[in-house]
Amino acid sequence: IPFPLGTVMPVFPPLAHAGGVVLLEALIGATGAVETTQVMRSAPPFDSAAENAARKWLFRPAYVTPRAAPRYVYLVFGFPAPVMGAVPAPRTPG
């Protein structure tokens, strides 16, 4: 089974006002690089951010004796809803 060695967090789209979850199917090649991605569960506008981040991941490839072999993995990217509103000022004793 491919194992992630290096991951990159996706960038939260600046125009997004809510959260979402994106499920990707990624083909991990014999070198451990992500060769292709496909959105399996979409959450616009987060799809492209999830795919861009996934393409930068690096995996330890799957091995089928005696060599590395391409395999599919499923990646879930969660985008929590941004905190809205003003942050209250700290109270000063007095």
C-alpha atoms as a PDB file:
ATOM      1  CA  ILE A   1       0.000   0.000   0.000  1.00  0.00           C
ATOM      2  CA  PRO A   2       1.397   3.471  -0.797  1.00  0.00           C
ATOM      3  CA  PHE A   3       2.321   5.434   2.327  1.00  0.00           C
ATOM      4  CA  PRO A   4       2.530   9.258   2.425  1.00  0.00           C
ATOM      5  CA  LEU A   5       6.038  10.557   3.117  1.00  0.00           C
ATOM      6  CA  GLY A   6       5.486  14.235   2.358  1.00  0.00           C
ATOM      7  CA  THR A   7       2.200  16.111   2.393  1.00  0.00           C
ATOM      8  CA  VAL A   8       1.092  19.629   1.516  1.00  0.00           C
ATOM      9  CA  MET A   9      -1.909  21.347   3.077  1.00  0.00           C
ATOM     10  CA  PRO A  10      -4.396  22.821   0.594  1.00  0.00           C
ATOM     11  CA  VAL A  11      -4.916  26.564   0.389  1.00  0.00           C
ATOM     12  CA  PHE A  12      -8.353  27.721   1.570  1.00  0.00           C
ATOM     13  CA  PRO A  13      -9.988  29.540  -1.376  1.00  0.00           C
ATOM     14  CA  PRO A  14     -10.332  33.233  -0.472  1.00  0.00           C
ATOM     15  CA  LEU A  15     -13.908  33.501  -1.806  1.00  0.00           C
ATOM     16  CA  ALA A  16     -15.231  30.477   0.106  1.00  0.00           C
ATOM     17  CA  HIS A  17     -17.697  31.316   2.875  1.00  0.00           C
ATOM     18  CA  ALA A  18     -18.398  27.835   4.248  1.00  0.00           C
ATOM     19  CA  GLY A  19     -16.528  24.580   4.749  1.00  0.00           C
ATOM     20  CA  GLY A  20     -16.511  21.403   2.716  1.00  0.00           C
ATOM     21  CA  VAL A  21     -14.961  17.973   2.183  1.00  0.00           C
ATOM     22  CA  VAL A  22     -13.375  16.728  -1.050  1.00  0.00           C
ATOM     23  CA  LEU A  23     -12.667  13.051  -1.757  1.00  0.00           C
ATOM     24  CA  LEU A  24      -9.973  12.372  -4.357  1.00  0.00           C
ATOM     25  CA  GLU A  25      -8.815   9.213  -6.072  1.00  0.00           C
ATOM     26  CA  ALA A  26      -5.092   9.450  -6.849  1.00  0.00           C
ATOM     27  CA  LEU A  27      -2.853   7.140  -8.827  1.00  0.00           C
ATOM     28  CA  ILE A  28       0.512   6.738  -7.114  1.00  0.00           C
ATOM     29  CA  GLY A  29       3.195   5.724  -9.577  1.00  0.00           C
ATOM     30  CA  ALA A  30       6.137   3.393  -9.059  1.00  0.00           C
ATOM     31  CA  THR A  31       8.301   6.399  -8.117  1.00  0.00           C
ATOM     32  CA  GLY A  32       5.899   7.481  -5.350  1.00  0.00           C
ATOM     33  CA  ALA A  33       4.720  10.570  -7.214  1.00  0.00           C
ATOM     34  CA  VAL A  34       1.033  11.359  -7.726  1.00  0.00           C
ATOM     35  CA  GLU A  35       0.417  10.718 -11.413  1.00  0.00           C
ATOM     36  CA  THR A  36      -3.291  11.534 -11.715  1.00  0.00           C
ATOM     37  CA  THR A  37      -6.126  12.741  -9.523  1.00  0.00           C
ATOM     38  CA  GLN A  38      -9.879  12.546  -9.929  1.00  0.00           C
ATOM     39  CA  VAL A  39     -12.535  14.172  -7.755  1.00  0.00           C
ATOM     40  CA  MET A  40     -14.860  11.488  -6.418  1.00  0.00           C
ATOM     41  CA  ARG A  41     -16.884  13.737  -4.095  1.00  0.00           C
ATOM     42  CA  SER A  42     -16.997  17.373  -5.047  1.00  0.00           C
ATOM     43  CA  ALA A  43     -17.332  20.429  -2.804  1.00  0.00           C
ATOM     44  CA  PRO A  44     -16.962  23.538  -4.972  1.00  0.00           C
ATOM     45  CA  PRO A  45     -14.915  25.765  -4.648  1.00  0.00           C
ATOM     46  CA  PHE A  46     -12.501  23.391  -2.864  1.00  0.00           C
ATOM     47  CA  ASP A  47     -11.928  20.809  -5.624  1.00  0.00           C
ATOM     48  CA  SER A  48      -9.021  22.537  -7.354  1.00  0.00           C
ATOM     49  CA  ALA A  49      -7.331  23.419  -4.041  1.00  0.00           C
ATOM     50  CA  ALA A  50      -7.485  19.753  -2.975  1.00  0.00           C
ATOM     51  CA  GLU A  51      -6.175  18.508  -6.337  1.00  0.00           C
ATOM     52  CA  ASN A  52      -3.329  21.042  -6.376  1.00  0.00           C
ATOM     53  CA  ALA A  53      -2.229  19.999  -2.889  1.00  0.00           C
ATOM     54  CA  ALA A  54      -2.522  16.259  -3.645  1.00  0.00           C
ATOM     55  CA  ARG A  55      -0.306  16.557  -6.735  1.00  0.00           C
ATOM     56  CA  LYS A  56       2.508  17.798  -4.473  1.00  0.00           C
ATOM     57  CA  TRP A  57       2.345  14.805  -2.099  1.00  0.00           C
ATOM     58  CA  LEU A  58       5.067  12.160  -2.154  1.00  0.00           C
ATOM     59  CA  PHE A  59       4.463   8.515  -1.249  1.00  0.00           C
ATOM     60  CA  ARG A  60       6.471   5.420  -0.520  1.00  0.00           C
ATOM     61  CA  PRO A  61       5.182   3.343  -3.438  1.00  0.00           C
ATOM     62  CA  ALA A  62       3.405   0.024  -3.116  1.00  0.00           C
ATOM     63  CA  TYR A  63       5.573  -3.011  -3.699  1.00  0.00           C
ATOM     64  CA  VAL A  64       4.588  -6.152  -5.507  1.00  0.00           C
ATOM     65  CA  THR A  65       7.555  -8.464  -5.172  1.00  0.00           C
ATOM     66  CA  PRO A  66      10.130  -7.635  -6.358  1.00  0.00           C
ATOM     67  CA  ARG A  67       9.389  -4.067  -7.539  1.00  0.00           C
ATOM     68  CA  ALA A  68       7.301  -0.950  -6.948  1.00  0.00           C
ATOM     69  CA  ALA A  69       3.930  -0.875  -8.684  1.00  0.00           C
ATOM     70  CA  PRO A  70       1.333   1.853  -9.366  1.00  0.00           C
ATOM     71  CA  ARG A  71      -1.678   1.816  -7.042  1.00  0.00           C
ATOM     72  CA  TYR A  72      -4.734   3.956  -6.353  1.00  0.00           C
ATOM     73  CA  VAL A  73      -5.299   5.696  -3.023  1.00  0.00           C
ATOM     74  CA  TYR A  74      -8.172   7.787  -1.706  1.00  0.00           C
ATOM     75  CA  LEU A  75      -7.454  11.136  -0.078  1.00  0.00           C
ATOM     76  CA  VAL A  76      -9.922  13.159   1.979  1.00  0.00           C
ATOM     77  CA  PHE A  77      -9.385  16.901   2.318  1.00  0.00           C
ATOM     78  CA  GLY A  78     -11.452  18.733   4.914  1.00  0.00           C
ATOM     79  CA  PHE A  79     -11.904  22.493   4.753  1.00  0.00           C
ATOM     80  CA  PRO A  80     -13.342  23.798   8.034  1.00  0.00           C
ATOM     81  CA  ALA A  81     -15.655  26.795   7.849  1.00  0.00           C
ATOM     82  CA  PRO A  82     -13.810  30.049   8.502  1.00  0.00           C
ATOM     83  CA  VAL A  83     -14.421  31.876  11.755  1.00  0.00           C
ATOM     84  CA  MET A  84     -16.535  34.939  11.051  1.00  0.00           C
ATOM     85  CA  GLY A  85     -17.004  38.077  13.084  1.00  0.00           C
ATOM     86  CA  ALA A  86     -14.862  40.286  15.216  1.00  0.00           C
ATOM     87  CA  VAL A  87     -12.551  38.944  17.866  1.00  0.00           C
ATOM     88  CA  PRO A  88     -13.388  40.422  21.269  1.00  0.00           C
ATOM     89  CA  ALA A  89     -10.744  42.591  22.857  1.00  0.00           C
ATOM     90  CA  PRO A  90      -9.083  41.155  25.937  1.00  0.00           C
ATOM     91  CA  ARG A  91     -10.409  42.478  29.214  1.00  0.00           C
ATOM     92  CA  THR A  92      -8.128  44.493  31.399  1.00  0.00           C
ATOM     93  CA  PRO A  93      -8.447  44.279  35.140  1.00  0.00           C
ATOM     94  CA  GLY A  94      -9.616  47.415  36.581  1.00  0.00           C
END
